[in-house]
Amino acid sequence: MNARNRFVLWLAGCLLLTLSLTCASLIIGTSSVETSLHWLLSPDPQSAVVLWQIRLPRTVGAWCVGALLGLCGATAQGVFRNPLAEPYLLGTASGAVLGVAITLVAADSTLGELAWAGKIGVTGAACIGAAAATALTIALSRGVLQTASLLLAGIVIAFVLSAVTSLILLTKPDIWRAMQSFILGTTGFLGWSSAMLLGVVFVICLIPAVGLARGLDALTLGEDTAHSLGLSLPVLRLTLLGVVSLGTAAAVSQVGTVGFVGLMAPHLVRETLAVNHRQLLIAAPLCGGALLQAADLLSRWIIRPAELPVGAVTACIGGAYLVFLLWRRNRDG
């Protein structure tokens, strides 16, 4: 089987897995599987709301979040030429969490502050915080030309913003419960409006990323080679970093911080396929979407009828996967 047929078969298998997980999400919830199957076979108005207005948009939204993180992870790894790069390296997640914390503090203070906090909302606050964190990272690294400076600046900004968020939570412990689900990550608040928003952002991010895939292929060969091919590296990196920032901000604003999906998805694709960046940027979102759907199902099923934070589930799976990669690398020498 040639590489093209293998790639098409892989995509078909991933789509089939996504469809299976979507169907499974309709029968796994706080109720028993038998009850959910009865709802599917003999629906009534109440069960229809649970199935089609709560469970289905939740799993569709989870897929969109995973797809965004997979796309942003693959893009970040290409821009930084580092297989361990992930979407949160620019400090976007920490900025989003800080933006939400500040908004909740304002909403808990005076009526005037409550007015602007209510207009911005949690989603708007997370996006503004993520955008501000990205801008600080680029400013601290004095542009986008030096990837090492960008990585270091992103790590510094992430730690500083996380520390500020911790101080806010210490001074305002009453907002901790509201922040807990956002910090740990949850898909429980996703609805059709969230899924539509995430889907639109995914398309907006996918088009320029795939369109600049050949630039990432050239960048893989080295900056000098990319220059010799006529590429404008500042424009290429700034555009792709904008894609990473927008996609990550949208994902974090809807579900909070969900780690390791953006790191695992590109790795899993490369483990099973020999791909260029155009193929990777198509396959990684499919893999990321299926990963987060599976994690969401596990979070609902393990301690049913209660739920685990989906971010904790992805952290356990991602940590175990990284340990496996390190063990295999040490074994192979």
C-alpha atoms as a PDB file:
ATOM      1  CA  MET A   1       0.000   0.000   0.000  1.00  0.00           C
ATOM      2  CA  ASN A   2       1.481   3.371  -0.988  1.00  0.00           C
ATOM      3  CA  ALA A   3       1.719   6.360   1.356  1.00  0.00           C
ATOM      4  CA  ARG A   4      -1.275   8.179  -0.134  1.00  0.00           C
ATOM      5  CA  ASN A   5      -3.620   5.208   0.259  1.00  0.00           C
ATOM      6  CA  ARG A   6      -2.353   4.634   3.788  1.00  0.00           C
ATOM      7  CA  PHE A   7      -3.069   8.272   4.639  1.00  0.00           C
ATOM      8  CA  VAL A   8      -6.600   8.096   3.215  1.00  0.00           C
ATOM      9  CA  LEU A   9      -7.257   4.847   5.095  1.00  0.00           C
ATOM     10  CA  TRP A  10      -5.963   6.439   8.301  1.00  0.00           C
ATOM     11  CA  LEU A  11      -8.292   9.416   7.878  1.00  0.00           C
ATOM     12  CA  ALA A  12     -11.244   7.110   7.238  1.00  0.00           C
ATOM     13  CA  GLY A  13     -10.430   5.107  10.364  1.00  0.00           C
ATOM     14  CA  CYS A  14     -10.176   8.277  12.445  1.00  0.00           C
ATOM     15  CA  LEU A  15     -13.522   9.527  11.140  1.00  0.00           C
ATOM     16  CA  LEU A  16     -15.101   6.164  11.930  1.00  0.00           C
ATOM     17  CA  LEU A  17     -13.678   6.328  15.465  1.00  0.00           C
ATOM     18  CA  THR A  18     -15.074   9.856  15.862  1.00  0.00           C
ATOM     19  CA  LEU A  19     -18.519   8.694  14.744  1.00  0.00           C
ATOM     20  CA  SER A  20     -18.384   5.752  17.176  1.00  0.00           C
ATOM     21  CA  LEU A  21     -17.382   8.016  20.072  1.00  0.00           C
ATOM     22  CA  THR A  22     -20.176  10.442  19.176  1.00  0.00           C
ATOM     23  CA  CYS A  23     -22.721   7.619  19.282  1.00  0.00           C
ATOM     24  CA  ALA A  24     -21.260   6.330  22.558  1.00  0.00           C
ATOM     25  CA  SER A  25     -21.585   9.792  24.092  1.00  0.00           C
ATOM     26  CA  LEU A  26     -25.357   9.595  23.630  1.00  0.00           C
ATOM     27  CA  ILE A  27     -25.646   6.541  25.882  1.00  0.00           C
ATOM     28  CA  ILE A  28     -23.058   7.411  28.536  1.00  0.00           C
ATOM     29  CA  GLY A  29     -24.081   9.954  31.132  1.00  0.00           C
ATOM     30  CA  THR A  30     -25.397  10.220  34.673  1.00  0.00           C
ATOM     31  CA  SER A  31     -28.172   7.747  33.851  1.00  0.00           C
ATOM     32  CA  SER A  32     -27.575   4.070  33.191  1.00  0.00           C
ATOM     33  CA  VAL A  33     -26.754   2.763  29.730  1.00  0.00           C
ATOM     34  CA  GLU A  34     -30.054   0.845  29.692  1.00  0.00           C
ATOM     35  CA  THR A  35     -31.997   4.029  30.393  1.00  0.00           C
ATOM     36  CA  SER A  36     -30.133   5.922  27.673  1.00  0.00           C
ATOM     37  CA  LEU A  37     -30.804   3.167  25.145  1.00  0.00           C
ATOM     38  CA  HIS A  38     -34.478   3.297  26.073  1.00  0.00           C
ATOM     39  CA  TRP A  39     -34.432   7.063  25.502  1.00  0.00           C
ATOM     40  CA  LEU A  40     -32.938   6.529  22.047  1.00  0.00           C
ATOM     41  CA  LEU A  41     -35.439   3.859  21.067  1.00  0.00           C
ATOM     42  CA  SER A  42     -38.500   5.440  22.702  1.00  0.00           C
ATOM     43  CA  PRO A  43     -37.822   9.173  22.999  1.00  0.00           C
ATOM     44  CA  ASP A  44     -39.963  11.570  24.969  1.00  0.00           C
ATOM     45  CA  PRO A  45     -39.639  15.380  25.260  1.00  0.00           C
ATOM     46  CA  GLN A  46     -37.444  15.218  28.385  1.00  0.00           C
ATOM     47  CA  SER A  47     -35.080  12.564  27.033  1.00  0.00           C
ATOM     48  CA  ALA A  48     -34.846  14.401  23.705  1.00  0.00           C
ATOM     49  CA  VAL A  49     -33.527  17.461  25.519  1.00  0.00           C
ATOM     50  CA  VAL A  50     -30.911  15.377  27.354  1.00  0.00           C
ATOM     51  CA  LEU A  51     -29.760  13.563  24.212  1.00  0.00           C
ATOM     52  CA  TRP A  52     -29.871  16.283  21.552  1.00  0.00           C
ATOM     53  CA  GLN A  53     -29.454  19.497  23.545  1.00  0.00           C
ATOM     54  CA  ILE A  54     -26.983  18.398  26.231  1.00  0.00           C
ATOM     55  CA  ARG A  55     -25.015  15.271  25.292  1.00  0.00           C
ATOM     56  CA  LEU A  56     -24.704  15.720  21.522  1.00  0.00           C
ATOM     57  CA  PRO A  57     -23.525  19.373  21.556  1.00  0.00           C
ATOM     58  CA  ARG A  58     -21.155  18.483  24.380  1.00  0.00           C
ATOM     59  CA  THR A  59     -19.393  15.784  22.376  1.00  0.00           C
ATOM     60  CA  VAL A  60     -19.417  17.892  19.179  1.00  0.00           C
ATOM     61  CA  GLY A  61     -17.920  20.795  21.114  1.00  0.00           C
ATOM     62  CA  ALA A  62     -15.344  18.485  22.699  1.00  0.00           C
ATOM     63  CA  TRP A  63     -14.319  17.301  19.234  1.00  0.00           C
ATOM     64  CA  CYS A  64     -13.926  20.895  18.055  1.00  0.00           C
ATOM     65  CA  VAL A  65     -11.774  21.761  21.069  1.00  0.00           C
ATOM     66  CA  GLY A  66      -9.589  18.699  20.534  1.00  0.00           C
ATOM     67  CA  ALA A  67      -9.311  19.479  16.827  1.00  0.00           C
ATOM     68  CA  LEU A  68      -8.242  23.053  17.577  1.00  0.00           C
ATOM     69  CA  LEU A  69      -5.630  21.899  20.084  1.00  0.00           C
ATOM     70  CA  GLY A  70      -4.349  19.243  17.669  1.00  0.00           C
ATOM     71  CA  LEU A  71      -4.067  21.825  14.883  1.00  0.00           C
ATOM     72  CA  CYS A  72      -2.372  24.370  17.143  1.00  0.00           C
ATOM     73  CA  GLY A  73       0.009  21.741  18.520  1.00  0.00           C
ATOM     74  CA  ALA A  74       1.095  20.610  15.058  1.00  0.00           C
ATOM     75  CA  THR A  75       1.515  24.235  13.961  1.00  0.00           C
ATOM     76  CA  ALA A  76       3.540  25.163  17.053  1.00  0.00           C
ATOM     77  CA  GLN A  77       5.830  22.168  16.599  1.00  0.00           C
ATOM     78  CA  GLY A  78       6.452  23.211  13.002  1.00  0.00           C
ATOM     79  CA  VAL A  79       7.090  26.871  13.835  1.00  0.00           C
ATOM     80  CA  PHE A  80       9.457  26.104  16.716  1.00  0.00           C
ATOM     81  CA  ARG A  81      10.957  23.057  14.979  1.00  0.00           C
ATOM     82  CA  ASN A  82      10.547  21.252  18.291  1.00  0.00           C
ATOM     83  CA  PRO A  83       8.480  18.054  18.691  1.00  0.00           C
ATOM     84  CA  LEU A  84       7.799  18.938  22.336  1.00  0.00           C
ATOM     85  CA  ALA A  85       6.203  22.292  21.528  1.00  0.00           C
ATOM     86  CA  GLU A  86       2.521  22.593  22.430  1.00  0.00           C
ATOM     87  CA  PRO A  87      -0.215  25.242  22.115  1.00  0.00           C
ATOM     88  CA  TYR A  88       0.217  26.678  25.618  1.00  0.00           C
ATOM     89  CA  LEU A  89       3.894  27.620  25.159  1.00  0.00           C
ATOM     90  CA  LEU A  90       3.053  31.236  24.322  1.00  0.00           C
ATOM     91  CA  GLY A  91       1.331  31.715  27.692  1.00  0.00           C
ATOM     92  CA  THR A  92      -2.146  31.719  26.159  1.00  0.00           C
ATOM     93  CA  ALA A  93      -3.669  29.351  28.721  1.00  0.00           C
ATOM     94  CA  SER A  94      -2.274  31.275  31.685  1.00  0.00           C
ATOM     95  CA  GLY A  95      -3.473  34.546  30.171  1.00  0.00           C
ATOM     96  CA  ALA A  96      -6.942  33.138  29.610  1.00  0.00           C
ATOM     97  CA  VAL A  97      -7.204  31.899  33.203  1.00  0.00           C
ATOM     98  CA  LEU A  98      -6.022  35.267  34.519  1.00  0.00           C
ATOM     99  CA  GLY A  99      -8.564  37.090  32.354  1.00  0.00           C
ATOM    100  CA  VAL A 100     -11.384  34.965  33.766  1.00  0.00           C
ATOM    101  CA  ALA A 101     -10.137  35.461  37.338  1.00  0.00           C
ATOM    102  CA  ILE A 102     -10.026  39.250  36.950  1.00  0.00           C
ATOM    103  CA  THR A 103     -13.526  39.282  35.456  1.00  0.00           C
ATOM    104  CA  LEU A 104     -14.931  37.190  38.315  1.00  0.00           C
ATOM    105  CA  VAL A 105     -13.305  39.481  40.872  1.00  0.00           C
ATOM    106  CA  ALA A 106     -14.812  42.503  39.127  1.00  0.00           C
ATOM    107  CA  ALA A 107     -18.233  40.849  38.987  1.00  0.00           C
ATOM    108  CA  ASP A 108     -18.019  40.203  42.733  1.00  0.00           C
ATOM    109  CA  SER A 109     -17.173  43.834  43.535  1.00  0.00           C
ATOM    110  CA  THR A 110     -19.212  46.899  42.591  1.00  0.00           C
ATOM    111  CA  LEU A 111     -22.230  47.244  40.353  1.00  0.00           C
ATOM    112  CA  GLY A 112     -20.278  49.367  37.881  1.00  0.00           C
ATOM    113  CA  GLU A 113     -17.588  46.723  37.550  1.00  0.00           C
ATOM    114  CA  LEU A 114     -20.271  44.060  37.269  1.00  0.00           C
ATOM    115  CA  ALA A 115     -21.649  45.845  34.216  1.00  0.00           C
ATOM    116  CA  TRP A 116     -18.469  45.661  32.152  1.00  0.00           C
ATOM    117  CA  ALA A 117     -17.656  42.200  33.495  1.00  0.00           C
ATOM    118  CA  GLY A 118     -21.065  40.982  32.360  1.00  0.00           C
ATOM    119  CA  LYS A 119     -20.645  42.515  28.905  1.00  0.00           C
ATOM    120  CA  ILE A 120     -17.265  40.865  28.387  1.00  0.00           C
ATOM    121  CA  GLY A 121     -18.296  37.480  29.780  1.00  0.00           C
ATOM    122  CA  VAL A 122     -16.084  34.517  30.569  1.00  0.00           C
ATOM    123  CA  THR A 123     -15.399  33.751  26.915  1.00  0.00           C
ATOM    124  CA  GLY A 124     -14.446  37.318  26.081  1.00  0.00           C
ATOM    125  CA  ALA A 125     -12.276  37.627  29.184  1.00  0.00           C
ATOM    126  CA  ALA A 126     -10.429  34.417  28.333  1.00  0.00           C
ATOM    127  CA  CYS A 127      -9.807  35.527  24.745  1.00  0.00           C
ATOM    128  CA  ILE A 128      -8.588  38.972  25.825  1.00  0.00           C
ATOM    129  CA  GLY A 129      -6.278  37.413  28.423  1.00  0.00           C
ATOM    130  CA  ALA A 130      -4.886  34.924  25.914  1.00  0.00           C
ATOM    131  CA  ALA A 131      -4.299  37.652  23.306  1.00  0.00           C
ATOM    132  CA  ALA A 132      -2.572  39.864  25.873  1.00  0.00           C
ATOM    133  CA  ALA A 133      -0.326  36.995  26.967  1.00  0.00           C
ATOM    134  CA  THR A 134       0.681  36.293  23.362  1.00  0.00           C
ATOM    135  CA  ALA A 135       1.431  39.964  22.744  1.00  0.00           C
ATOM    136  CA  LEU A 136       3.573  40.101  25.908  1.00  0.00           C
ATOM    137  CA  THR A 137       5.462  36.995  24.819  1.00  0.00           C
ATOM    138  CA  ILE A 138       6.236  38.424  21.370  1.00  0.00           C
ATOM    139  CA  ALA A 139       7.209  41.789  22.877  1.00  0.00           C
ATOM    140  CA  LEU A 140       9.484  40.175  25.457  1.00  0.00           C
ATOM    141  CA  SER A 141      11.227  38.119  22.775  1.00  0.00           C
ATOM    142  CA  ARG A 142      11.547  41.263  20.569  1.00  0.00           C
ATOM    143  CA  GLY A 143       9.744  39.750  17.629  1.00  0.00           C
ATOM    144  CA  VAL A 144       9.257  36.330  16.122  1.00  0.00           C
ATOM    145  CA  LEU A 145      12.629  35.719  14.487  1.00  0.00           C
ATOM    146  CA  GLN A 146      14.327  33.921  17.381  1.00  0.00           C
ATOM    147  CA  THR A 147      12.402  30.784  18.278  1.00  0.00           C
ATOM    148  CA  ALA A 148      14.545  30.120  21.357  1.00  0.00           C
ATOM    149  CA  SER A 149      13.698  33.585  22.708  1.00  0.00           C
ATOM    150  CA  LEU A 150      10.016  33.000  21.967  1.00  0.00           C
ATOM    151  CA  LEU A 151      10.025  29.721  23.880  1.00  0.00           C
ATOM    152  CA  LEU A 152      11.804  31.260  26.865  1.00  0.00           C
ATOM    153  CA  ALA A 153       9.540  34.318  26.849  1.00  0.00           C
ATOM    154  CA  GLY A 154       6.442  32.124  26.668  1.00  0.00           C
ATOM    155  CA  ILE A 155       7.565  30.066  29.651  1.00  0.00           C
ATOM    156  CA  VAL A 156       8.344  33.211  31.667  1.00  0.00           C
ATOM    157  CA  ILE A 157       5.008  34.856  30.837  1.00  0.00           C
ATOM    158  CA  ALA A 158       3.109  31.651  31.667  1.00  0.00           C
ATOM    159  CA  PHE A 159       4.750  31.377  35.104  1.00  0.00           C
ATOM    160  CA  VAL A 160       4.247  35.064  35.923  1.00  0.00           C
ATOM    161  CA  LEU A 161       0.575  35.081  34.904  1.00  0.00           C
ATOM    162  CA  SER A 162      -0.065  31.832  36.791  1.00  0.00           C
ATOM    163  CA  ALA A 163       1.500  33.393  39.891  1.00  0.00           C
ATOM    164  CA  VAL A 164      -0.727  36.480  39.557  1.00  0.00           C
ATOM    165  CA  THR A 165      -3.783  34.240  39.223  1.00  0.00           C
ATOM    166  CA  SER A 166      -2.770  32.338  42.372  1.00  0.00           C
ATOM    167  CA  LEU A 167      -2.424  35.615  44.288  1.00  0.00           C
ATOM    168  CA  ILE A 168      -5.876  36.701  43.138  1.00  0.00           C
ATOM    169  CA  LEU A 169      -7.362  33.398  44.283  1.00  0.00           C
ATOM    170  CA  LEU A 170      -5.629  33.764  47.664  1.00  0.00           C
ATOM    171  CA  THR A 171      -7.054  37.233  48.185  1.00  0.00           C
ATOM    172  CA  LYS A 172     -10.498  36.227  46.878  1.00  0.00           C
ATOM    173  CA  PRO A 173     -11.006  32.598  47.971  1.00  0.00           C
ATOM    174  CA  ASP A 174     -14.753  32.836  47.345  1.00  0.00           C
ATOM    175  CA  ILE A 175     -14.205  32.732  43.573  1.00  0.00           C
ATOM    176  CA  TRP A 176     -12.131  29.551  43.779  1.00  0.00           C
ATOM    177  CA  ARG A 177     -15.121  27.282  43.227  1.00  0.00           C
ATOM    178  CA  ALA A 178     -16.104  29.210  40.101  1.00  0.00           C
ATOM    179  CA  MET A 179     -12.499  29.039  38.845  1.00  0.00           C
ATOM    180  CA  GLN A 180     -11.938  25.390  39.747  1.00  0.00           C
ATOM    181  CA  SER A 181     -13.712  23.860  36.768  1.00  0.00           C
ATOM    182  CA  PHE A 182     -12.036  26.349  34.421  1.00  0.00           C
ATOM    183  CA  ILE A 183      -8.542  25.632  35.751  1.00  0.00           C
ATOM    184  CA  LEU A 184      -9.032  21.854  35.731  1.00  0.00           C
ATOM    185  CA  GLY A 185     -10.868  21.803  32.397  1.00  0.00           C
ATOM    186  CA  THR A 186     -14.441  20.737  31.778  1.00  0.00           C
ATOM    187  CA  THR A 187     -16.679  20.101  28.782  1.00  0.00           C
ATOM    188  CA  GLY A 188     -19.830  20.198  30.897  1.00  0.00           C
ATOM    189  CA  PHE A 189     -20.848  23.708  29.840  1.00  0.00           C
ATOM    190  CA  LEU A 190     -20.586  23.191  26.081  1.00  0.00           C
ATOM    191  CA  GLY A 191     -23.766  23.786  24.101  1.00  0.00           C
ATOM    192  CA  TRP A 192     -24.690  24.274  20.469  1.00  0.00           C
ATOM    193  CA  SER A 193     -23.653  27.933  20.528  1.00  0.00           C
ATOM    194  CA  SER A 194     -20.217  26.993  21.869  1.00  0.00           C
ATOM    195  CA  ALA A 195     -19.850  24.190  19.333  1.00  0.00           C
ATOM    196  CA  MET A 196     -20.747  26.537  16.466  1.00  0.00           C
ATOM    197  CA  LEU A 197     -18.279  29.167  17.674  1.00  0.00           C
ATOM    198  CA  LEU A 198     -15.511  26.573  17.988  1.00  0.00           C
ATOM    199  CA  GLY A 199     -16.312  25.151  14.558  1.00  0.00           C
ATOM    200  CA  VAL A 200     -16.073  28.590  12.923  1.00  0.00           C
ATOM    201  CA  VAL A 201     -12.762  29.334  14.647  1.00  0.00           C
ATOM    202  CA  PHE A 202     -11.441  25.922  13.594  1.00  0.00           C
ATOM    203  CA  VAL A 203     -12.172  26.637   9.926  1.00  0.00           C
ATOM    204  CA  ILE A 204     -10.637  30.122  10.236  1.00  0.00           C
ATOM    205  CA  CYS A 205      -7.456  28.615  11.719  1.00  0.00           C
ATOM    206  CA  LEU A 206      -7.282  25.592   9.417  1.00  0.00           C
ATOM    207  CA  ILE A 207      -7.290  27.501   6.118  1.00  0.00           C
ATOM    208  CA  PRO A 208      -4.151  29.636   6.665  1.00  0.00           C
ATOM    209  CA  ALA A 209      -2.338  26.827   8.494  1.00  0.00           C
ATOM    210  CA  VAL A 210      -2.777  24.362   5.625  1.00  0.00           C
ATOM    211  CA  GLY A 211      -2.093  27.111   3.112  1.00  0.00           C
ATOM    212  CA  LEU A 212       1.309  27.795   4.735  1.00  0.00           C
ATOM    213  CA  ALA A 213       2.176  24.119   5.199  1.00  0.00           C
ATOM    214  CA  ARG A 214       4.856  24.228   2.507  1.00  0.00           C
ATOM    215  CA  GLY A 215       6.516  27.043   4.406  1.00  0.00           C
ATOM    216  CA  LEU A 216       6.730  24.780   7.450  1.00  0.00           C
ATOM    217  CA  ASP A 217       8.237  22.042   5.267  1.00  0.00           C
ATOM    218  CA  ALA A 218      10.884  24.504   4.099  1.00  0.00           C
ATOM    219  CA  LEU A 219      11.482  25.728   7.657  1.00  0.00           C
ATOM    220  CA  THR A 220      12.166  22.150   8.709  1.00  0.00           C
ATOM    221  CA  LEU A 221      15.219  22.169   6.418  1.00  0.00           C
ATOM    222  CA  GLY A 222      16.614  25.227   8.185  1.00  0.00           C
ATOM    223  CA  GLU A 223      16.159  28.997   8.148  1.00  0.00           C
ATOM    224  CA  ASP A 224      18.819  29.515   5.474  1.00  0.00           C
ATOM    225  CA  THR A 225      17.055  27.099   3.148  1.00  0.00           C
ATOM    226  CA  ALA A 226      13.714  28.779   3.807  1.00  0.00           C
ATOM    227  CA  HIS A 227      15.278  32.162   2.996  1.00  0.00           C
ATOM    228  CA  SER A 228      16.761  30.807  -0.216  1.00  0.00           C
ATOM    229  CA  LEU A 229      13.290  29.685  -1.303  1.00  0.00           C
ATOM    230  CA  GLY A 230      12.026  33.250  -0.985  1.00  0.00           C
ATOM    231  CA  LEU A 231      10.039  32.819   2.241  1.00  0.00           C
ATOM    232  CA  SER A 232       9.494  35.777   4.536  1.00  0.00           C
ATOM    233  CA  LEU A 233      10.102  34.144   7.910  1.00  0.00           C
ATOM    234  CA  PRO A 234       8.689  36.993  10.039  1.00  0.00           C
ATOM    235  CA  VAL A 235       5.407  36.958   8.093  1.00  0.00           C
ATOM    236  CA  LEU A 236       5.247  33.145   8.129  1.00  0.00           C
ATOM    237  CA  ARG A 237       5.891  32.865  11.859  1.00  0.00           C
ATOM    238  CA  LEU A 238       3.672  35.774  12.837  1.00  0.00           C
ATOM    239  CA  THR A 239       0.751  34.384  10.812  1.00  0.00           C
ATOM    240  CA  LEU A 240       1.130  30.877  12.199  1.00  0.00           C
ATOM    241  CA  LEU A 241       1.590  32.147  15.755  1.00  0.00           C
ATOM    242  CA  GLY A 242      -1.614  34.115  15.240  1.00  0.00           C
ATOM    243  CA  VAL A 243      -3.333  30.862  14.251  1.00  0.00           C
ATOM    244  CA  VAL A 244      -1.967  29.138  17.366  1.00  0.00           C
ATOM    245  CA  SER A 245      -3.045  32.008  19.614  1.00  0.00           C
ATOM    246  CA  LEU A 246      -6.553  32.303  18.165  1.00  0.00           C
ATOM    247  CA  GLY A 247      -7.211  28.560  18.211  1.00  0.00           C
ATOM    248  CA  THR A 248      -5.848  28.092  21.725  1.00  0.00           C
ATOM    249  CA  ALA A 249      -7.719  31.109  23.072  1.00  0.00           C
ATOM    250  CA  ALA A 250     -11.018  29.826  21.631  1.00  0.00           C
ATOM    251  CA  ALA A 251     -10.455  26.340  23.046  1.00  0.00           C
ATOM    252  CA  VAL A 252      -9.429  27.531  26.503  1.00  0.00           C
ATOM    253  CA  SER A 253     -12.258  30.057  26.692  1.00  0.00           C
ATOM    254  CA  GLN A 254     -14.840  27.273  26.255  1.00  0.00           C
ATOM    255  CA  VAL A 255     -13.425  24.379  28.303  1.00  0.00           C
ATOM    256  CA  GLY A 256     -10.568  25.800  30.388  1.00  0.00           C
ATOM    257  CA  THR A 257      -7.066  24.345  30.426  1.00  0.00           C
ATOM    258  CA  VAL A 258      -6.975  20.883  28.871  1.00  0.00           C
ATOM    259  CA  GLY A 259      -3.388  19.732  28.630  1.00  0.00           C
ATOM    260  CA  PHE A 260      -1.423  17.297  26.471  1.00  0.00           C
ATOM    261  CA  VAL A 261      -3.959  16.982  23.625  1.00  0.00           C
ATOM    262  CA  GLY A 262      -2.031  19.426  21.468  1.00  0.00           C
ATOM    263  CA  LEU A 263       1.180  17.577  22.242  1.00  0.00           C
ATOM    264  CA  MET A 264      -0.086  14.007  21.820  1.00  0.00           C
ATOM    265  CA  ALA A 265      -2.128  14.358  18.629  1.00  0.00           C
ATOM    266  CA  PRO A 266       0.758  15.304  16.271  1.00  0.00           C
ATOM    267  CA  HIS A 267       2.979  12.651  17.861  1.00  0.00           C
ATOM    268  CA  LEU A 268       0.373   9.925  17.365  1.00  0.00           C
ATOM    269  CA  VAL A 269       0.019  10.902  13.714  1.00  0.00           C
ATOM    270  CA  ARG A 270       3.775  10.790  13.155  1.00  0.00           C
ATOM    271  CA  GLU A 271       3.998   7.451  14.957  1.00  0.00           C
ATOM    272  CA  THR A 272       1.581   5.831  12.522  1.00  0.00           C
ATOM    273  CA  LEU A 273       2.181   7.766   9.294  1.00  0.00           C
ATOM    274  CA  ALA A 274       5.018   9.344   7.334  1.00  0.00           C
ATOM    275  CA  VAL A 275       3.500  12.744   6.576  1.00  0.00           C
ATOM    276  CA  ASN A 276       4.453  16.203   5.395  1.00  0.00           C
ATOM    277  CA  HIS A 277       3.092  19.262   7.190  1.00  0.00           C
ATOM    278  CA  ARG A 278       0.028  19.598   4.960  1.00  0.00           C
ATOM    279  CA  GLN A 279      -1.040  16.041   5.787  1.00  0.00           C
ATOM    280  CA  LEU A 280      -0.094  16.508   9.449  1.00  0.00           C
ATOM    281  CA  LEU A 281      -2.220  19.649   9.757  1.00  0.00           C
ATOM    282  CA  ILE A 282      -5.196  17.685   8.408  1.00  0.00           C
ATOM    283  CA  ALA A 283      -4.651  14.507  10.423  1.00  0.00           C
ATOM    284  CA  ALA A 284      -3.671  16.043  13.790  1.00  0.00           C
ATOM    285  CA  PRO A 285      -7.038  17.825  14.286  1.00  0.00           C
ATOM    286  CA  LEU A 286      -8.915  14.575  13.590  1.00  0.00           C
ATOM    287  CA  CYS A 287      -6.713  12.765  16.094  1.00  0.00           C
ATOM    288  CA  GLY A 288      -7.025  15.551  18.669  1.00  0.00           C
ATOM    289  CA  GLY A 289     -10.792  15.638  18.352  1.00  0.00           C
ATOM    290  CA  ALA A 290     -11.078  11.882  18.885  1.00  0.00           C
ATOM    291  CA  LEU A 291      -8.679  12.069  21.848  1.00  0.00           C
ATOM    292  CA  LEU A 292     -10.722  14.685  23.666  1.00  0.00           C
ATOM    293  CA  GLN A 293     -13.976  12.898  22.885  1.00  0.00           C
ATOM    294  CA  ALA A 294     -12.544   9.704  24.411  1.00  0.00           C
ATOM    295  CA  ALA A 295     -11.265  11.626  27.459  1.00  0.00           C
ATOM    296  CA  ASP A 296     -14.685  13.238  27.881  1.00  0.00           C
ATOM    297  CA  LEU A 297     -16.364   9.818  27.843  1.00  0.00           C
ATOM    298  CA  LEU A 298     -13.893   8.524  30.442  1.00  0.00           C
ATOM    299  CA  SER A 299     -14.465  11.553  32.659  1.00  0.00           C
ATOM    300  CA  ARG A 300     -18.203  10.834  32.621  1.00  0.00           C
ATOM    301  CA  TRP A 301     -17.962   7.068  33.057  1.00  0.00           C
ATOM    302  CA  ILE A 302     -15.235   6.424  35.659  1.00  0.00           C
ATOM    303  CA  ILE A 303     -17.047   7.768  38.742  1.00  0.00           C
ATOM    304  CA  ARG A 304     -20.591   7.931  37.348  1.00  0.00           C
ATOM    305  CA  PRO A 305     -22.939   9.650  38.216  1.00  0.00           C
ATOM    306  CA  ALA A 306     -20.311  12.234  39.185  1.00  0.00           C
ATOM    307  CA  GLU A 307     -17.698  13.493  36.716  1.00  0.00           C
ATOM    308  CA  LEU A 308     -13.948  13.904  36.679  1.00  0.00           C
ATOM    309  CA  PRO A 309     -12.426  17.092  35.225  1.00  0.00           C
ATOM    310  CA  VAL A 310     -11.554  16.264  31.629  1.00  0.00           C
ATOM    311  CA  GLY A 311      -8.272  18.142  32.019  1.00  0.00           C
ATOM    312  CA  ALA A 312      -7.224  15.712  34.744  1.00  0.00           C
ATOM    313  CA  VAL A 313      -8.018  12.761  32.475  1.00  0.00           C
ATOM    314  CA  THR A 314      -6.001  14.153  29.556  1.00  0.00           C
ATOM    315  CA  ALA A 315      -3.128  14.958  31.942  1.00  0.00           C
ATOM    316  CA  CYS A 316      -3.015  11.336  33.143  1.00  0.00           C
ATOM    317  CA  ILE A 317      -3.182   9.950  29.607  1.00  0.00           C
ATOM    318  CA  GLY A 318      -0.671  12.468  28.256  1.00  0.00           C
ATOM    319  CA  GLY A 319       1.742  11.957  31.140  1.00  0.00           C
ATOM    320  CA  ALA A 320       1.647   8.202  30.663  1.00  0.00           C
ATOM    321  CA  TYR A 321       2.239   8.655  26.933  1.00  0.00           C
ATOM    322  CA  LEU A 322       5.276  10.878  27.531  1.00  0.00           C
ATOM    323  CA  VAL A 323       6.699   8.355  29.995  1.00  0.00           C
ATOM    324  CA  PHE A 324       6.275   5.673  27.341  1.00  0.00           C
ATOM    325  CA  LEU A 325       8.070   7.812  24.752  1.00  0.00           C
ATOM    326  CA  LEU A 326      10.961   8.438  27.138  1.00  0.00           C
ATOM    327  CA  TRP A 327      11.193   4.747  28.036  1.00  0.00           C
ATOM    328  CA  ARG A 328      11.250   3.746  24.387  1.00  0.00           C
ATOM    329  CA  ARG A 329      13.875   6.344  23.546  1.00  0.00           C
ATOM    330  CA  ASN A 330      16.096   5.135  26.402  1.00  0.00           C
ATOM    331  CA  ARG A 331      15.552   1.522  25.354  1.00  0.00           C
ATOM    332  CA  ASP A 332      16.528   2.227  21.768  1.00  0.00           C
ATOM    333  CA  GLY A 333      19.579   4.172  22.906  1.00  0.00           C
END
